[in-house]
Amino acid sequence: MQRLALLLRVLAPVFFVVAAIHLALGLDADALLGASVSPSTAAEPSLSSQNRFYGVAFALYGAVLYLCAKDLRTYEPFFKAAMWVFFLAGVARLVAWVQHGAPAPLVVALLATELVIPPLLLVWHARAKNEA
């Protein structure tokens, strides 16, 4: 379990960095991923507010992963919930893809990580728990 905990401690700050980028840039953060965001769209107050809110809310993953890394047995339900929500967020990207077409390549890469990494971490956790 120590290797998994170490990985979670390494991943946690990534979520804080992503949150900070969205806080600072708003919709322009999505433009960095290849989204087509016009200056007028990026400046639209409600969209900017929503994007910054969701971006900063993303930091919760970092906080949960960091907390879980301290004691994966105690925080197992939180770890599992975070992994399932992260996976389902990837499924939500698939829904958008079906409805609106393929996103930018970097967003497809994010989608792939969201659909692959949470199940892998859940399997790793289950095996590590059974070995200890």
Protein backbone atom coordinates (compact mmCIF):
# COMPACT_ATOMS: atom_id res chain seq x y z
CA MET A 1 0.00 0.00 0.00
CA GLN A 2 2.96 2.30 0.52
CA ARG A 3 3.66 2.56 -3.22
CA LEU A 4 0.05 3.45 -3.94
CA ALA A 5 0.11 6.03 -1.15
CA LEU A 6 3.28 7.52 -2.60
CA LEU A 7 1.69 7.76 -6.05
CA LEU A 8 -1.33 9.51 -4.55
CA ARG A 9 0.93 12.02 -2.79
CA VAL A 10 2.66 12.69 -6.12
CA LEU A 11 -0.62 13.05 -8.03
CA ALA A 12 -2.36 15.30 -5.49
CA PRO A 13 -0.41 18.48 -6.33
CA VAL A 14 -1.23 18.04 -10.03
CA PHE A 15 -4.89 18.67 -9.21
CA PHE A 16 -3.97 21.82 -7.27
CA VAL A 17 -1.95 23.12 -10.21
CA VAL A 18 -4.84 22.47 -12.62
CA ALA A 19 -7.20 24.26 -10.23
CA ALA A 20 -4.85 27.25 -9.99
CA ILE A 21 -4.57 27.46 -13.78
CA HIS A 22 -8.35 27.50 -14.13
CA LEU A 23 -8.66 30.09 -11.37
CA ALA A 24 -6.13 32.33 -13.08
CA LEU A 25 -7.13 31.81 -16.71
CA GLY A 26 -10.79 30.81 -16.69
CA LEU A 27 -11.87 29.59 -20.12
CA ASP A 28 -8.44 30.42 -21.51
CA ALA A 29 -7.25 27.34 -19.60
CA ASP A 30 -9.46 25.27 -21.91
CA ALA A 31 -7.96 27.07 -24.89
CA LEU A 32 -4.57 25.74 -23.73
CA LEU A 33 -6.03 22.26 -24.23
CA GLY A 34 -7.01 23.07 -27.79
CA ALA A 35 -10.61 24.15 -27.24
CA SER A 36 -11.87 26.79 -29.61
CA VAL A 37 -12.57 29.67 -27.24
CA SER A 38 -13.14 33.10 -28.74
CA PRO A 39 -12.12 36.16 -26.72
CA SER A 40 -15.79 37.13 -26.33
CA THR A 41 -16.66 33.65 -25.05
CA ALA A 42 -13.72 33.66 -22.63
CA ALA A 43 -14.88 37.04 -21.32
CA GLU A 44 -18.54 36.02 -20.87
CA PRO A 45 -19.07 36.46 -17.11
CA SER A 46 -21.27 33.43 -16.44
CA LEU A 47 -19.10 31.03 -18.43
CA SER A 48 -15.94 32.43 -16.86
CA SER A 49 -17.49 32.05 -13.42
CA GLN A 50 -18.60 28.46 -14.08
CA ASN A 51 -15.24 27.44 -15.54
CA ARG A 52 -13.28 28.94 -12.65
CA PHE A 53 -15.67 27.36 -10.11
CA TYR A 54 -15.38 23.87 -11.61
CA GLY A 55 -11.66 24.31 -12.10
CA VAL A 56 -11.11 25.20 -8.46
CA ALA A 57 -13.52 22.46 -7.33
CA PHE A 58 -11.15 20.08 -9.14
CA ALA A 59 -8.70 20.76 -6.30
CA LEU A 60 -10.93 18.60 -4.12
CA TYR A 61 -9.46 15.55 -5.88
CA GLY A 62 -6.02 16.65 -4.78
CA ALA A 63 -7.16 17.13 -1.21
CA VAL A 64 -8.93 13.75 -1.11
CA LEU A 65 -5.99 11.90 -2.66
CA TYR A 66 -3.55 13.53 -0.27
CA LEU A 67 -5.76 12.67 2.71
CA CYS A 68 -6.25 9.09 1.52
CA ALA A 69 -2.51 8.65 1.07
CA LYS A 70 -2.07 9.16 4.81
CA ASP A 71 -4.08 6.02 5.62
CA LEU A 72 -5.65 4.13 2.73
CA ARG A 73 -7.43 1.70 5.03
CA THR A 74 -9.16 4.39 7.06
CA TYR A 75 -10.00 6.53 4.05
CA GLU A 76 -10.86 3.66 1.71
CA PRO A 77 -14.48 4.80 1.13
CA PHE A 78 -13.27 8.29 0.19
CA PHE A 79 -10.62 6.88 -2.13
CA LYS A 80 -13.14 4.63 -3.86
CA ALA A 81 -15.68 7.44 -4.18
CA ALA A 82 -13.07 9.77 -5.68
CA MET A 83 -12.00 7.12 -8.20
CA TRP A 84 -15.58 6.39 -9.23
CA VAL A 85 -16.45 10.06 -9.61
CA PHE A 86 -13.28 10.66 -11.61
CA PHE A 87 -14.14 7.72 -13.86
CA LEU A 88 -17.71 8.95 -14.30
CA ALA A 89 -16.36 12.38 -15.22
CA GLY A 90 -14.57 10.62 -18.08
CA VAL A 91 -17.86 9.01 -19.05
CA ALA A 92 -19.38 12.50 -19.08
CA ARG A 93 -16.72 13.51 -21.62
CA LEU A 94 -17.84 10.56 -23.76
CA VAL A 95 -21.40 11.86 -23.64
CA ALA A 96 -20.19 15.26 -24.86
CA TRP A 97 -18.19 13.54 -27.62
CA VAL A 98 -21.27 11.63 -28.80
CA GLN A 99 -23.45 14.74 -28.71
CA HIS A 100 -21.02 17.30 -30.14
CA GLY A 101 -18.16 15.48 -31.83
CA ALA A 102 -14.55 14.76 -30.99
CA PRO A 103 -12.78 17.18 -28.67
CA ALA A 104 -9.22 18.44 -29.11
CA PRO A 105 -6.48 15.77 -28.93
CA LEU A 106 -5.29 16.85 -25.47
CA VAL A 107 -8.84 16.50 -24.16
CA VAL A 108 -9.02 13.02 -25.68
CA ALA A 109 -5.82 12.22 -23.78
CA LEU A 110 -7.44 13.47 -20.55
CA LEU A 111 -10.49 11.34 -21.32
CA ALA A 112 -8.28 8.29 -21.72
CA THR A 113 -6.62 8.89 -18.35
CA GLU A 114 -10.01 9.37 -16.69
CA LEU A 115 -11.31 6.08 -18.04
CA VAL A 116 -8.15 4.04 -17.44
CA ILE A 117 -6.38 5.32 -14.33
CA PRO A 118 -9.22 5.14 -11.77
CA PRO A 119 -10.01 1.45 -12.48
CA LEU A 120 -6.29 0.63 -12.37
CA LEU A 121 -5.88 2.39 -9.03
CA LEU A 122 -8.96 0.63 -7.64
CA VAL A 123 -7.55 -2.75 -8.69
CA TRP A 124 -4.15 -1.85 -7.25
CA HIS A 125 -5.79 -0.80 -3.98
CA ALA A 126 -7.81 -4.04 -3.75
CA ARG A 127 -4.72 -6.18 -4.37
CA ALA A 128 -2.56 -4.21 -1.96
CA LYS A 129 -5.26 -4.44 0.70
CA ASN A 130 -5.47 -8.21 0.31
CA GLU A 131 -1.68 -8.63 0.42
CA ALA A 132 -1.22 -6.69 3.63
